[in-house]
Amino acid sequence: MEGWENDVHWIPNWVCPDEFFWWLEKPVTLDARAITGNGKLLGMFGSYTNLDLPVVGRLLDAVPKAQWHEKWTLLADAMMSVLDEPLAVSEMVDGAESVTSAIAKINARRGQGRFRESLMRIWGEACAVSGVGCREVLRASHVKPWAVSTDKQRLDSRNGLLLSANLDALFDKGLITFDDSGKMQLSPRLGASHRAMLGVPSPLRFMPEGLASYLKYHREKVFQR
């Protein structure tokens, strides 16, 4: 055809792993404007297109629930795992939440950036207890739980600890807490064998100003005695 180049042997510059390739059982009609905000889904076809998480979330939400099989779960789980506050897809589906609403909820909870980065500065980009500096495993944890905090407290860096994922889970469930000097206290519900494997108790590396009042709330309302 006039204006078209000759066929060439083209080698793609990216590869889709087989486990992430999804061929729908039935075609799905997509509303491009609802997904991307304009009249088209993609701006170019000669290469891959980077999509941000909200757009990918709306794409997954466009698939009818009748087709939410293993591949949908795998893709959604992979996407949710890159968020600062990962959410298991089983929690999302059981709660009848869409992918986009789950992302919005997590983004709101974490203040998406500001709260976390404040804690990164305070703690020198390392866990408040262990000192591990791997950003991928660090969690910006609220001392007074997000659900019962005011909007101001949710963004207050004094209401936060930068913890590795395992310590964040223990702190969130009230299995560990800290006294006013930063010494870790352990719940009786955390068995001796688990304590040894988790390497607890270990104190905070230091006590930032303003943290003690929030820790008092955690000890009284969250910690499992």
N, C-alpha and C. Protein backbone atom coordinates (compact mmCIF):
# COMPACT_ATOMS: atom_id res chain seq x y z
N MET A 1 0.85 -1.19 0.00
CA MET A 1 0.00 0.00 0.00
C MET A 1 0.88 1.24 0.00
N GLU A 2 0.44 2.26 -0.70
CA GLU A 2 1.21 3.49 -0.80
C GLU A 2 1.33 4.15 0.57
N GLY A 3 2.53 4.58 0.87
CA GLY A 3 2.75 5.25 2.15
C GLY A 3 3.13 4.32 3.29
N TRP A 4 3.11 3.03 3.04
CA TRP A 4 3.47 2.07 4.08
C TRP A 4 4.85 1.50 3.80
N GLU A 5 5.65 1.32 4.83
CA GLU A 5 6.96 0.72 4.67
C GLU A 5 6.84 -0.77 4.43
N ASN A 6 7.89 -1.35 3.87
CA ASN A 6 7.90 -2.79 3.64
C ASN A 6 7.91 -3.53 4.98
N ASP A 7 7.37 -4.74 4.96
CA ASP A 7 7.39 -5.55 6.17
C ASP A 7 8.83 -5.82 6.60
N VAL A 8 9.09 -5.75 7.88
CA VAL A 8 10.43 -6.05 8.40
C VAL A 8 10.29 -7.04 9.54
N HIS A 9 11.38 -7.72 9.82
CA HIS A 9 11.40 -8.63 10.96
C HIS A 9 11.65 -7.80 12.22
N TRP A 10 10.63 -7.65 13.02
CA TRP A 10 10.70 -6.74 14.17
C TRP A 10 10.85 -7.54 15.45
N ILE A 11 11.82 -7.17 16.23
CA ILE A 11 12.03 -7.81 17.53
C ILE A 11 11.56 -6.85 18.61
N PRO A 12 10.55 -7.21 19.40
CA PRO A 12 10.05 -6.29 20.43
C PRO A 12 11.10 -6.01 21.48
N ASN A 13 11.04 -4.81 22.06
CA ASN A 13 12.00 -4.45 23.10
C ASN A 13 11.47 -4.73 24.50
N TRP A 14 10.40 -5.47 24.61
CA TRP A 14 9.89 -5.90 25.90
C TRP A 14 9.21 -7.24 25.73
N VAL A 15 9.10 -7.99 26.80
CA VAL A 15 8.49 -9.32 26.75
C VAL A 15 7.46 -9.41 27.87
N CYS A 16 6.27 -9.88 27.54
CA CYS A 16 5.23 -10.09 28.55
C CYS A 16 5.34 -11.51 29.08
N PRO A 17 5.63 -11.68 30.36
CA PRO A 17 5.69 -13.03 30.92
C PRO A 17 4.37 -13.76 30.70
N ASP A 18 4.46 -15.04 30.45
CA ASP A 18 3.28 -15.83 30.13
C ASP A 18 2.21 -15.73 31.21
N GLU A 19 2.65 -15.70 32.49
CA GLU A 19 1.66 -15.69 33.57
C GLU A 19 0.88 -14.39 33.65
N PHE A 20 1.37 -13.33 32.98
CA PHE A 20 0.67 -12.05 32.99
C PHE A 20 -0.06 -11.77 31.68
N PHE A 21 -0.02 -12.71 30.73
CA PHE A 21 -0.75 -12.52 29.48
C PHE A 21 -2.17 -13.04 29.67
N TRP A 22 -3.14 -12.19 29.39
CA TRP A 22 -4.54 -12.54 29.67
C TRP A 22 -5.37 -12.37 28.41
N TRP A 23 -5.92 -13.47 27.92
CA TRP A 23 -6.83 -13.45 26.78
C TRP A 23 -8.23 -13.65 27.33
N LEU A 24 -9.06 -12.62 27.23
CA LEU A 24 -10.40 -12.69 27.80
C LEU A 24 -11.26 -13.73 27.11
N GLU A 25 -12.11 -14.37 27.91
CA GLU A 25 -13.02 -15.36 27.35
C GLU A 25 -14.03 -14.71 26.41
N LYS A 26 -14.49 -13.51 26.78
CA LYS A 26 -15.44 -12.76 25.95
C LYS A 26 -14.92 -11.34 25.79
N PRO A 27 -15.11 -10.74 24.61
CA PRO A 27 -14.66 -9.36 24.39
C PRO A 27 -15.33 -8.40 25.38
N VAL A 28 -14.60 -7.38 25.79
CA VAL A 28 -15.11 -6.36 26.70
C VAL A 28 -15.04 -5.01 26.01
N THR A 29 -16.17 -4.31 25.96
CA THR A 29 -16.19 -2.96 25.37
C THR A 29 -15.71 -1.96 26.40
N LEU A 30 -14.68 -1.19 26.03
CA LEU A 30 -14.09 -0.23 26.96
C LEU A 30 -14.52 1.18 26.62
N ASP A 31 -14.82 1.96 27.65
CA ASP A 31 -15.13 3.37 27.49
C ASP A 31 -13.84 4.15 27.70
N ALA A 32 -13.19 4.53 26.61
CA ALA A 32 -11.88 5.18 26.69
C ALA A 32 -11.93 6.45 27.54
N ARG A 33 -12.98 7.23 27.39
CA ARG A 33 -13.05 8.50 28.12
C ARG A 33 -13.14 8.25 29.63
N ALA A 34 -13.88 7.23 30.02
CA ALA A 34 -14.01 6.93 31.45
C ALA A 34 -12.70 6.40 32.04
N ILE A 35 -11.88 5.80 31.18
CA ILE A 35 -10.63 5.19 31.66
C ILE A 35 -9.47 6.17 31.65
N THR A 36 -9.31 6.90 30.54
CA THR A 36 -8.14 7.78 30.40
C THR A 36 -8.48 9.26 30.49
N GLY A 37 -9.78 9.60 30.39
CA GLY A 37 -10.16 11.01 30.43
C GLY A 37 -10.21 11.66 29.07
N ASN A 38 -9.86 10.91 28.01
CA ASN A 38 -9.99 11.43 26.65
C ASN A 38 -10.60 10.36 25.76
N GLY A 39 -10.67 10.61 24.49
CA GLY A 39 -11.38 9.70 23.59
C GLY A 39 -10.61 8.50 23.11
N LYS A 40 -9.40 8.29 23.60
CA LYS A 40 -8.62 7.14 23.14
C LYS A 40 -7.86 6.51 24.30
N LEU A 41 -7.62 5.22 24.16
CA LEU A 41 -6.92 4.50 25.21
C LEU A 41 -5.41 4.69 25.13
N LEU A 42 -4.86 4.60 23.92
CA LEU A 42 -3.42 4.69 23.72
C LEU A 42 -3.08 5.82 22.78
N GLY A 43 -1.91 6.40 22.98
CA GLY A 43 -1.48 7.49 22.11
C GLY A 43 -0.55 7.04 21.01
N MET A 44 -0.03 5.81 21.11
CA MET A 44 0.90 5.33 20.10
C MET A 44 0.85 3.81 20.07
N PHE A 45 1.18 3.22 18.93
CA PHE A 45 1.12 1.77 18.78
C PHE A 45 2.47 1.18 18.35
N GLY A 46 3.47 2.03 18.06
CA GLY A 46 4.76 1.54 17.61
C GLY A 46 5.65 1.09 18.74
N SER A 47 5.21 1.30 19.99
CA SER A 47 6.00 0.91 21.15
C SER A 47 5.03 0.70 22.31
N TYR A 48 5.55 0.29 23.45
CA TYR A 48 4.67 0.11 24.60
C TYR A 48 4.33 1.47 25.20
N THR A 49 3.22 1.53 25.92
CA THR A 49 2.78 2.77 26.56
C THR A 49 2.76 2.57 28.07
N ASN A 50 3.42 3.47 28.78
CA ASN A 50 3.37 3.41 30.24
C ASN A 50 2.01 3.89 30.74
N LEU A 51 1.39 3.14 31.62
CA LEU A 51 0.10 3.51 32.21
C LEU A 51 0.28 3.70 33.71
N ASP A 52 -0.31 4.76 34.26
CA ASP A 52 -0.23 4.93 35.71
C ASP A 52 -1.23 4.01 36.39
N LEU A 53 -1.07 3.84 37.70
CA LEU A 53 -1.89 2.86 38.43
C LEU A 53 -3.39 3.13 38.36
N PRO A 54 -3.85 4.40 38.49
CA PRO A 54 -5.30 4.62 38.39
C PRO A 54 -5.88 4.17 37.04
N VAL A 55 -5.14 4.40 35.94
CA VAL A 55 -5.63 3.98 34.63
C VAL A 55 -5.70 2.46 34.56
N VAL A 56 -4.67 1.78 35.04
CA VAL A 56 -4.68 0.31 35.04
C VAL A 56 -5.82 -0.20 35.92
N GLY A 57 -6.04 0.47 37.04
CA GLY A 57 -7.14 0.07 37.91
C GLY A 57 -8.48 0.17 37.22
N ARG A 58 -8.69 1.26 36.46
CA ARG A 58 -9.96 1.41 35.74
C ARG A 58 -10.09 0.38 34.62
N LEU A 59 -8.97 0.00 34.01
CA LEU A 59 -9.01 -1.06 32.99
C LEU A 59 -9.46 -2.38 33.61
N LEU A 60 -8.88 -2.73 34.75
CA LEU A 60 -9.26 -3.97 35.41
C LEU A 60 -10.71 -3.93 35.89
N ASP A 61 -11.15 -2.76 36.36
CA ASP A 61 -12.53 -2.63 36.82
C ASP A 61 -13.53 -2.78 35.67
N ALA A 62 -13.08 -2.50 34.44
CA ALA A 62 -13.98 -2.59 33.29
C ALA A 62 -14.30 -4.03 32.92
N VAL A 63 -13.51 -4.96 33.43
CA VAL A 63 -13.76 -6.38 33.16
C VAL A 63 -14.90 -6.86 34.05
N PRO A 64 -15.95 -7.44 33.48
CA PRO A 64 -17.07 -7.92 34.30
C PRO A 64 -16.60 -8.93 35.35
N LYS A 65 -17.23 -8.90 36.51
CA LYS A 65 -16.81 -9.79 37.59
C LYS A 65 -16.93 -11.26 37.22
N ALA A 66 -17.79 -11.56 36.26
CA ALA A 66 -17.92 -12.95 35.82
C ALA A 66 -16.62 -13.47 35.22
N GLN A 67 -15.76 -12.55 34.77
CA GLN A 67 -14.48 -12.94 34.17
C GLN A 67 -13.30 -12.70 35.12
N TRP A 68 -13.60 -12.40 36.38
CA TRP A 68 -12.53 -12.19 37.36
C TRP A 68 -11.99 -13.56 37.81
N HIS A 69 -11.21 -14.16 36.96
CA HIS A 69 -10.65 -15.46 37.29
C HIS A 69 -9.20 -15.30 37.77
N GLU A 70 -8.43 -16.36 37.65
CA GLU A 70 -7.06 -16.38 38.18
C GLU A 70 -6.19 -15.26 37.60
N LYS A 71 -6.30 -15.01 36.29
CA LYS A 71 -5.45 -14.00 35.65
C LYS A 71 -5.77 -12.60 36.17
N TRP A 72 -7.06 -12.30 36.36
CA TRP A 72 -7.45 -10.99 36.89
C TRP A 72 -6.83 -10.79 38.27
N THR A 73 -6.95 -11.82 39.10
CA THR A 73 -6.41 -11.74 40.45
C THR A 73 -4.90 -11.56 40.43
N LEU A 74 -4.22 -12.29 39.54
CA LEU A 74 -2.77 -12.19 39.44
C LEU A 74 -2.33 -10.79 39.04
N LEU A 75 -2.99 -10.22 38.03
CA LEU A 75 -2.65 -8.87 37.58
C LEU A 75 -2.95 -7.83 38.65
N ALA A 76 -4.12 -7.94 39.27
CA ALA A 76 -4.49 -6.97 40.31
C ALA A 76 -3.54 -7.07 41.50
N ASP A 77 -3.18 -8.30 41.87
CA ASP A 77 -2.28 -8.50 43.00
C ASP A 77 -0.91 -7.90 42.72
N ALA A 78 -0.41 -8.08 41.49
CA ALA A 78 0.89 -7.52 41.12
C ALA A 78 0.86 -6.00 41.19
N MET A 79 -0.25 -5.41 40.77
CA MET A 79 -0.37 -3.96 40.78
C MET A 79 -0.48 -3.42 42.21
N MET A 80 -1.29 -4.07 43.03
CA MET A 80 -1.50 -3.59 44.39
C MET A 80 -0.23 -3.73 45.23
N SER A 81 0.64 -4.68 44.88
CA SER A 81 1.83 -4.93 45.69
C SER A 81 2.87 -3.83 45.58
N VAL A 82 2.77 -2.96 44.56
CA VAL A 82 3.77 -1.90 44.40
C VAL A 82 3.39 -0.65 45.18
N LEU A 83 2.22 -0.62 45.78
CA LEU A 83 1.82 0.55 46.55
C LEU A 83 2.55 0.58 47.88
N ASP A 84 2.62 1.78 48.48
CA ASP A 84 3.29 1.92 49.77
C ASP A 84 2.63 1.06 50.84
N GLU A 85 1.33 0.89 50.71
CA GLU A 85 0.58 0.09 51.68
C GLU A 85 -0.10 -1.02 50.90
N PRO A 86 0.62 -2.14 50.64
CA PRO A 86 0.04 -3.19 49.81
C PRO A 86 -1.26 -3.72 50.39
N LEU A 87 -2.17 -4.10 49.48
CA LEU A 87 -3.46 -4.64 49.87
C LEU A 87 -3.66 -5.96 49.17
N ALA A 88 -4.00 -7.00 49.92
CA ALA A 88 -4.26 -8.29 49.30
C ALA A 88 -5.53 -8.22 48.48
N VAL A 89 -5.49 -8.79 47.28
CA VAL A 89 -6.66 -8.75 46.41
C VAL A 89 -7.83 -9.48 47.06
N SER A 90 -7.55 -10.50 47.87
CA SER A 90 -8.63 -11.22 48.54
C SER A 90 -9.41 -10.29 49.46
N GLU A 91 -8.72 -9.34 50.13
CA GLU A 91 -9.41 -8.36 50.97
C GLU A 91 -10.29 -7.46 50.13
N MET A 92 -9.77 -7.07 48.98
CA MET A 92 -10.47 -6.13 48.11
C MET A 92 -11.73 -6.77 47.53
N VAL A 93 -11.60 -8.01 47.05
CA VAL A 93 -12.73 -8.69 46.44
C VAL A 93 -13.78 -9.04 47.48
N ASP A 94 -13.32 -9.54 48.64
CA ASP A 94 -14.27 -9.90 49.70
C ASP A 94 -15.08 -8.70 50.16
N GLY A 95 -14.46 -7.51 50.12
CA GLY A 95 -15.14 -6.30 50.53
C GLY A 95 -15.90 -5.63 49.41
N ALA A 96 -15.96 -6.27 48.24
CA ALA A 96 -16.68 -5.75 47.08
C ALA A 96 -16.15 -4.40 46.63
N GLU A 97 -14.85 -4.16 46.84
CA GLU A 97 -14.23 -2.91 46.41
C GLU A 97 -13.71 -3.05 44.99
N SER A 98 -13.71 -1.96 44.25
CA SER A 98 -13.07 -1.95 42.94
C SER A 98 -11.59 -1.68 43.14
N VAL A 99 -10.80 -1.94 42.09
CA VAL A 99 -9.37 -1.67 42.17
C VAL A 99 -9.12 -0.19 42.39
N THR A 100 -9.85 0.65 41.65
CA THR A 100 -9.62 2.10 41.75
C THR A 100 -9.99 2.63 43.12
N SER A 101 -11.07 2.14 43.73
CA SER A 101 -11.44 2.63 45.06
C SER A 101 -10.43 2.15 46.10
N ALA A 102 -9.88 0.94 45.90
CA ALA A 102 -8.86 0.45 46.82
C ALA A 102 -7.61 1.30 46.75
N ILE A 103 -7.19 1.68 45.54
CA ILE A 103 -6.03 2.55 45.37
C ILE A 103 -6.28 3.89 46.03
N ALA A 104 -7.46 4.46 45.81
CA ALA A 104 -7.79 5.76 46.40
C ALA A 104 -7.76 5.70 47.92
N LYS A 105 -8.27 4.62 48.47
CA LYS A 105 -8.30 4.47 49.93
C LYS A 105 -6.89 4.38 50.50
N ILE A 106 -6.04 3.61 49.83
CA ILE A 106 -4.66 3.47 50.30
C ILE A 106 -3.91 4.79 50.17
N ASN A 107 -4.10 5.47 49.04
CA ASN A 107 -3.44 6.76 48.84
C ASN A 107 -3.84 7.76 49.91
N ALA A 108 -5.12 7.76 50.27
CA ALA A 108 -5.60 8.67 51.31
C ALA A 108 -4.99 8.31 52.65
N ARG A 109 -4.95 7.00 52.93
CA ARG A 109 -4.44 6.56 54.23
C ARG A 109 -2.99 6.96 54.43
N ARG A 110 -2.21 6.86 53.42
CA ARG A 110 -0.78 7.14 53.57
C ARG A 110 -0.41 8.59 53.29
N GLY A 111 -1.38 9.42 52.94
CA GLY A 111 -1.04 10.78 52.60
C GLY A 111 -0.17 10.78 51.38
N GLN A 112 -0.02 9.64 50.78
CA GLN A 112 0.72 9.33 49.57
C GLN A 112 1.92 10.21 49.35
N GLY A 113 2.91 9.99 50.15
CA GLY A 113 4.17 10.66 49.91
C GLY A 113 4.62 11.56 51.04
N ARG A 114 3.78 12.50 51.41
CA ARG A 114 4.21 13.52 52.37
C ARG A 114 4.51 12.92 53.74
N PHE A 115 3.60 12.10 54.25
CA PHE A 115 3.79 11.47 55.56
C PHE A 115 5.01 10.55 55.54
N ARG A 116 5.10 9.72 54.52
CA ARG A 116 6.22 8.78 54.40
C ARG A 116 7.56 9.50 54.27
N GLU A 117 7.61 10.51 53.41
CA GLU A 117 8.87 11.20 53.20
C GLU A 117 9.32 11.96 54.45
N SER A 118 8.36 12.46 55.23
CA SER A 118 8.71 13.11 56.49
C SER A 118 9.39 12.11 57.43
N LEU A 119 8.84 10.90 57.49
CA LEU A 119 9.44 9.87 58.34
C LEU A 119 10.79 9.42 57.80
N MET A 120 10.92 9.38 56.48
CA MET A 120 12.21 9.01 55.89
C MET A 120 13.29 10.01 56.30
N ARG A 121 12.93 11.28 56.34
CA ARG A 121 13.91 12.30 56.76
C ARG A 121 14.26 12.16 58.24
N ILE A 122 13.23 11.98 59.07
CA ILE A 122 13.46 11.88 60.52
C ILE A 122 14.35 10.69 60.86
N TRP A 123 14.08 9.55 60.23
CA TRP A 123 14.78 8.32 60.58
C TRP A 123 15.96 8.00 59.66
N GLY A 124 16.36 8.97 58.86
CA GLY A 124 17.53 8.76 58.01
C GLY A 124 17.35 7.65 56.99
N GLU A 125 16.11 7.51 56.48
CA GLU A 125 15.78 6.50 55.47
C GLU A 125 16.12 5.09 55.94
N ALA A 126 15.89 4.82 57.21
CA ALA A 126 16.16 3.49 57.77
C ALA A 126 15.14 3.17 58.85
N CYS A 127 14.90 1.89 59.06
CA CYS A 127 13.94 1.44 60.06
C CYS A 127 14.26 2.03 61.43
N ALA A 128 13.22 2.48 62.12
CA ALA A 128 13.38 3.11 63.43
C ALA A 128 13.96 2.16 64.47
N VAL A 129 13.86 0.86 64.23
CA VAL A 129 14.36 -0.13 65.18
C VAL A 129 15.65 -0.78 64.67
N SER A 130 15.56 -1.44 63.53
CA SER A 130 16.68 -2.25 63.05
C SER A 130 17.74 -1.46 62.30
N GLY A 131 17.35 -0.31 61.75
CA GLY A 131 18.28 0.48 60.95
C GLY A 131 18.40 0.01 59.52
N VAL A 132 17.61 -0.99 59.11
CA VAL A 132 17.67 -1.47 57.72
C VAL A 132 17.24 -0.34 56.79
N GLY A 133 17.99 -0.16 55.69
CA GLY A 133 17.74 0.97 54.81
C GLY A 133 17.16 0.60 53.46
N CYS A 134 16.58 -0.58 53.33
CA CYS A 134 15.97 -1.00 52.06
C CYS A 134 14.58 -0.37 51.95
N ARG A 135 14.44 0.61 51.06
CA ARG A 135 13.18 1.35 50.95
C ARG A 135 12.00 0.45 50.65
N GLU A 136 12.25 -0.62 49.89
CA GLU A 136 11.15 -1.49 49.48
C GLU A 136 10.46 -2.19 50.64
N VAL A 137 11.15 -2.34 51.77
CA VAL A 137 10.52 -3.05 52.89
C VAL A 137 10.14 -2.10 54.03
N LEU A 138 10.34 -0.80 53.84
CA LEU A 138 10.02 0.17 54.89
C LEU A 138 8.57 0.62 54.78
N ARG A 139 7.90 0.71 55.92
CA ARG A 139 6.50 1.12 55.97
C ARG A 139 6.37 2.36 56.86
N ALA A 140 5.58 3.31 56.40
CA ALA A 140 5.28 4.50 57.19
C ALA A 140 4.08 4.17 58.07
N SER A 141 4.33 3.85 59.31
CA SER A 141 3.29 3.34 60.21
C SER A 141 2.77 4.43 61.13
N HIS A 142 1.44 4.54 61.22
CA HIS A 142 0.84 5.49 62.16
C HIS A 142 0.86 4.89 63.57
N VAL A 143 1.22 5.69 64.55
CA VAL A 143 1.23 5.25 65.94
C VAL A 143 -0.20 5.23 66.48
N LYS A 144 -0.87 6.36 66.44
CA LYS A 144 -2.31 6.40 66.68
C LYS A 144 -2.96 5.99 65.37
N PRO A 145 -3.70 4.90 65.34
CA PRO A 145 -4.20 4.37 64.07
C PRO A 145 -4.89 5.41 63.21
N TRP A 146 -4.69 5.28 61.91
CA TRP A 146 -5.26 6.20 60.93
C TRP A 146 -6.77 6.34 61.10
N ALA A 147 -7.45 5.23 61.36
CA ALA A 147 -8.92 5.23 61.41
C ALA A 147 -9.46 6.11 62.52
N VAL A 148 -8.70 6.30 63.61
CA VAL A 148 -9.20 7.10 64.74
C VAL A 148 -8.45 8.42 64.87
N SER A 149 -7.61 8.74 63.90
CA SER A 149 -6.87 10.01 63.92
C SER A 149 -7.64 11.10 63.19
N THR A 150 -7.40 12.34 63.57
CA THR A 150 -7.95 13.47 62.83
C THR A 150 -7.15 13.64 61.54
N ASP A 151 -7.67 14.46 60.63
CA ASP A 151 -6.94 14.70 59.39
C ASP A 151 -5.54 15.25 59.67
N LYS A 152 -5.44 16.12 60.68
CA LYS A 152 -4.14 16.70 61.03
C LYS A 152 -3.20 15.63 61.58
N GLN A 153 -3.73 14.75 62.43
CA GLN A 153 -2.90 13.70 63.02
C GLN A 153 -2.44 12.69 61.97
N ARG A 154 -3.26 12.49 60.95
CA ARG A 154 -2.89 11.53 59.90
C ARG A 154 -1.66 11.97 59.13
N LEU A 155 -1.40 13.26 59.08
CA LEU A 155 -0.25 13.79 58.36
C LEU A 155 0.87 14.25 59.30
N ASP A 156 0.67 14.11 60.60
CA ASP A 156 1.64 14.56 61.59
C ASP A 156 2.77 13.53 61.70
N SER A 157 3.98 13.93 61.34
CA SER A 157 5.10 12.99 61.37
C SER A 157 5.41 12.51 62.78
N ARG A 158 4.98 13.26 63.81
CA ARG A 158 5.18 12.81 65.20
C ARG A 158 4.29 11.62 65.51
N ASN A 159 3.28 11.40 64.69
CA ASN A 159 2.39 10.25 64.83
C ASN A 159 2.83 9.11 63.92
N GLY A 160 4.12 8.98 63.71
CA GLY A 160 4.59 7.96 62.79
C GLY A 160 5.89 7.31 63.21
N LEU A 161 6.06 6.08 62.73
CA LEU A 161 7.31 5.35 62.88
C LEU A 161 7.64 4.73 61.52
N LEU A 162 8.88 4.78 61.15
CA LEU A 162 9.33 4.12 59.92
C LEU A 162 9.83 2.73 60.32
N LEU A 163 9.07 1.70 59.93
CA LEU A 163 9.36 0.35 60.37
C LEU A 163 9.49 -0.60 59.18
N SER A 164 10.32 -1.61 59.33
CA SER A 164 10.36 -2.67 58.32
C SER A 164 9.03 -3.42 58.37
N ALA A 165 8.71 -4.12 57.29
CA ALA A 165 7.36 -4.67 57.12
C ALA A 165 6.95 -5.60 58.27
N ASN A 166 7.87 -6.43 58.76
CA ASN A 166 7.49 -7.36 59.83
C ASN A 166 7.19 -6.61 61.14
N LEU A 167 8.01 -5.59 61.45
CA LEU A 167 7.76 -4.81 62.67
C LEU A 167 6.51 -3.96 62.53
N ASP A 168 6.25 -3.46 61.33
CA ASP A 168 5.03 -2.69 61.09
C ASP A 168 3.80 -3.54 61.36
N ALA A 169 3.82 -4.79 60.90
CA ALA A 169 2.68 -5.69 61.12
C ALA A 169 2.49 -5.97 62.61
N LEU A 170 3.58 -6.20 63.33
CA LEU A 170 3.50 -6.44 64.77
C LEU A 170 2.97 -5.22 65.51
N PHE A 171 3.45 -4.05 65.13
CA PHE A 171 3.03 -2.80 65.77
C PHE A 171 1.56 -2.51 65.47
N ASP A 172 1.16 -2.72 64.24
CA ASP A 172 -0.21 -2.45 63.81
C ASP A 172 -1.21 -3.35 64.55
N LYS A 173 -0.81 -4.60 64.82
CA LYS A 173 -1.69 -5.55 65.50
C LYS A 173 -1.58 -5.48 67.02
N GLY A 174 -0.75 -4.57 67.53
CA GLY A 174 -0.62 -4.42 68.97
C GLY A 174 0.19 -5.50 69.65
N LEU A 175 1.03 -6.20 68.88
CA LEU A 175 1.87 -7.24 69.47
C LEU A 175 3.19 -6.69 70.00
N ILE A 176 3.54 -5.48 69.57
CA ILE A 176 4.67 -4.76 70.17
C ILE A 176 4.26 -3.31 70.37
N THR A 177 4.93 -2.64 71.31
CA THR A 177 4.76 -1.21 71.49
C THR A 177 6.06 -0.68 72.09
N PHE A 178 6.10 0.60 72.43
CA PHE A 178 7.32 1.20 72.97
C PHE A 178 6.96 2.10 74.16
N ASP A 179 7.84 2.13 75.17
CA ASP A 179 7.61 3.04 76.28
C ASP A 179 8.18 4.42 75.96
N ASP A 180 8.10 5.33 76.91
CA ASP A 180 8.51 6.72 76.64
C ASP A 180 10.01 6.88 76.41
N SER A 181 10.78 5.86 76.74
CA SER A 181 12.22 5.92 76.49
C SER A 181 12.60 5.23 75.18
N GLY A 182 11.60 4.61 74.53
CA GLY A 182 11.85 3.92 73.27
C GLY A 182 12.10 2.43 73.42
N LYS A 183 12.01 1.92 74.64
CA LYS A 183 12.20 0.49 74.87
C LYS A 183 10.99 -0.28 74.36
N MET A 184 11.24 -1.37 73.62
CA MET A 184 10.14 -2.16 73.06
C MET A 184 9.51 -3.04 74.13
N GLN A 185 8.18 -3.09 74.13
CA GLN A 185 7.42 -3.98 75.00
C GLN A 185 6.73 -5.02 74.13
N LEU A 186 6.69 -6.25 74.60
CA LEU A 186 6.11 -7.35 73.83
C LEU A 186 4.81 -7.82 74.45
N SER A 187 3.85 -8.13 73.60
CA SER A 187 2.58 -8.66 74.07
C SER A 187 2.75 -10.12 74.49
N PRO A 188 2.05 -10.55 75.54
CA PRO A 188 2.09 -11.97 75.94
C PRO A 188 1.59 -12.89 74.82
N ARG A 189 0.85 -12.32 73.88
CA ARG A 189 0.32 -13.13 72.78
C ARG A 189 1.38 -13.49 71.74
N LEU A 190 2.55 -12.86 71.85
CA LEU A 190 3.64 -13.17 70.93
C LEU A 190 4.54 -14.21 71.60
N GLY A 191 4.48 -15.44 71.09
CA GLY A 191 5.19 -16.54 71.73
C GLY A 191 6.70 -16.41 71.70
N ALA A 192 7.36 -17.14 72.60
CA ALA A 192 8.81 -17.06 72.74
C ALA A 192 9.53 -17.45 71.46
N SER A 193 9.05 -18.50 70.79
CA SER A 193 9.71 -18.95 69.55
C SER A 193 9.61 -17.89 68.47
N HIS A 194 8.45 -17.23 68.38
CA HIS A 194 8.27 -16.17 67.40
C HIS A 194 9.15 -14.97 67.74
N ARG A 195 9.27 -14.67 69.00
CA ARG A 195 10.12 -13.55 69.42
C ARG A 195 11.56 -13.76 68.95
N ALA A 196 12.04 -14.97 69.15
CA ALA A 196 13.42 -15.27 68.76
C ALA A 196 13.61 -15.16 67.26
N MET A 197 12.67 -15.69 66.50
CA MET A 197 12.80 -15.64 65.04
C MET A 197 12.69 -14.22 64.50
N LEU A 198 11.88 -13.39 65.15
CA LEU A 198 11.68 -12.01 64.71
C LEU A 198 12.75 -11.06 65.25
N GLY A 199 13.56 -11.54 66.18
CA GLY A 199 14.63 -10.71 66.72
C GLY A 199 14.14 -9.58 67.61
N VAL A 200 13.08 -9.85 68.36
CA VAL A 200 12.55 -8.85 69.29
C VAL A 200 12.66 -9.39 70.71
N PRO A 201 12.79 -8.48 71.71
CA PRO A 201 12.62 -7.02 71.62
C PRO A 201 13.91 -6.30 71.23
N SER A 202 13.74 -5.15 70.57
CA SER A 202 14.83 -4.23 70.25
C SER A 202 14.27 -2.82 70.37
N PRO A 203 15.03 -1.90 70.93
CA PRO A 203 14.50 -0.55 71.17
C PRO A 203 14.53 0.33 69.92
N LEU A 204 13.83 1.46 70.00
CA LEU A 204 13.96 2.49 68.97
C LEU A 204 15.39 3.03 68.98
N ARG A 205 15.89 3.41 67.83
CA ARG A 205 17.25 3.93 67.74
C ARG A 205 17.39 5.27 68.46
N PHE A 206 16.31 6.05 68.48
CA PHE A 206 16.27 7.30 69.26
C PHE A 206 14.80 7.70 69.39
N MET A 207 14.53 8.71 70.21
CA MET A 207 13.16 9.15 70.45
C MET A 207 12.96 10.56 69.88
N PRO A 208 12.27 10.69 68.75
CA PRO A 208 12.00 12.02 68.20
C PRO A 208 11.06 12.81 69.12
N GLU A 209 11.19 14.11 69.09
CA GLU A 209 10.33 14.98 69.90
C GLU A 209 8.87 14.83 69.46
N GLY A 210 7.98 14.73 70.43
CA GLY A 210 6.55 14.67 70.14
C GLY A 210 6.00 13.27 69.94
N LEU A 211 6.87 12.26 69.89
CA LEU A 211 6.41 10.89 69.66
C LEU A 211 5.76 10.28 70.90
N ALA A 212 6.23 10.65 72.09
CA ALA A 212 5.81 10.00 73.33
C ALA A 212 4.30 10.05 73.56
N SER A 213 3.67 11.18 73.25
CA SER A 213 2.23 11.30 73.50
C SER A 213 1.44 10.33 72.63
N TYR A 214 1.89 10.13 71.40
CA TYR A 214 1.22 9.18 70.52
C TYR A 214 1.48 7.74 70.97
N LEU A 215 2.69 7.47 71.44
CA LEU A 215 3.00 6.13 71.94
C LEU A 215 2.14 5.79 73.16
N LYS A 216 1.83 6.78 73.98
CA LYS A 216 0.96 6.56 75.14
C LYS A 216 -0.40 6.05 74.67
N TYR A 217 -0.93 6.65 73.61
CA TYR A 217 -2.21 6.19 73.07
C TYR A 217 -2.08 4.75 72.58
N HIS A 218 -1.00 4.45 71.88
CA HIS A 218 -0.81 3.10 71.34
C HIS A 218 -0.73 2.07 72.47
N ARG A 219 -0.02 2.39 73.54
CA ARG A 219 0.09 1.45 74.66
C ARG A 219 -1.27 1.21 75.32
N GLU A 220 -2.07 2.27 75.43
CA GLU A 220 -3.34 2.17 76.16
C GLU A 220 -4.48 1.61 75.31
N LYS A 221 -4.46 1.87 74.00
CA LYS A 221 -5.61 1.52 73.17
C LYS A 221 -5.35 0.41 72.15
N VAL A 222 -4.10 0.20 71.77
CA VAL A 222 -3.80 -0.75 70.70
C VAL A 222 -3.05 -1.98 71.21
N PHE A 223 -2.12 -1.77 72.10
CA PHE A 223 -1.26 -2.86 72.60
C PHE A 223 -2.09 -3.94 73.27
N GLN A 224 -1.80 -5.20 72.94
CA GLN A 224 -2.52 -6.34 73.50
C GLN A 224 -1.77 -6.84 74.75
N ARG A 225 -2.32 -6.53 75.90
CA ARG A 225 -1.66 -6.90 77.17
C ARG A 225 -2.01 -8.32 77.59
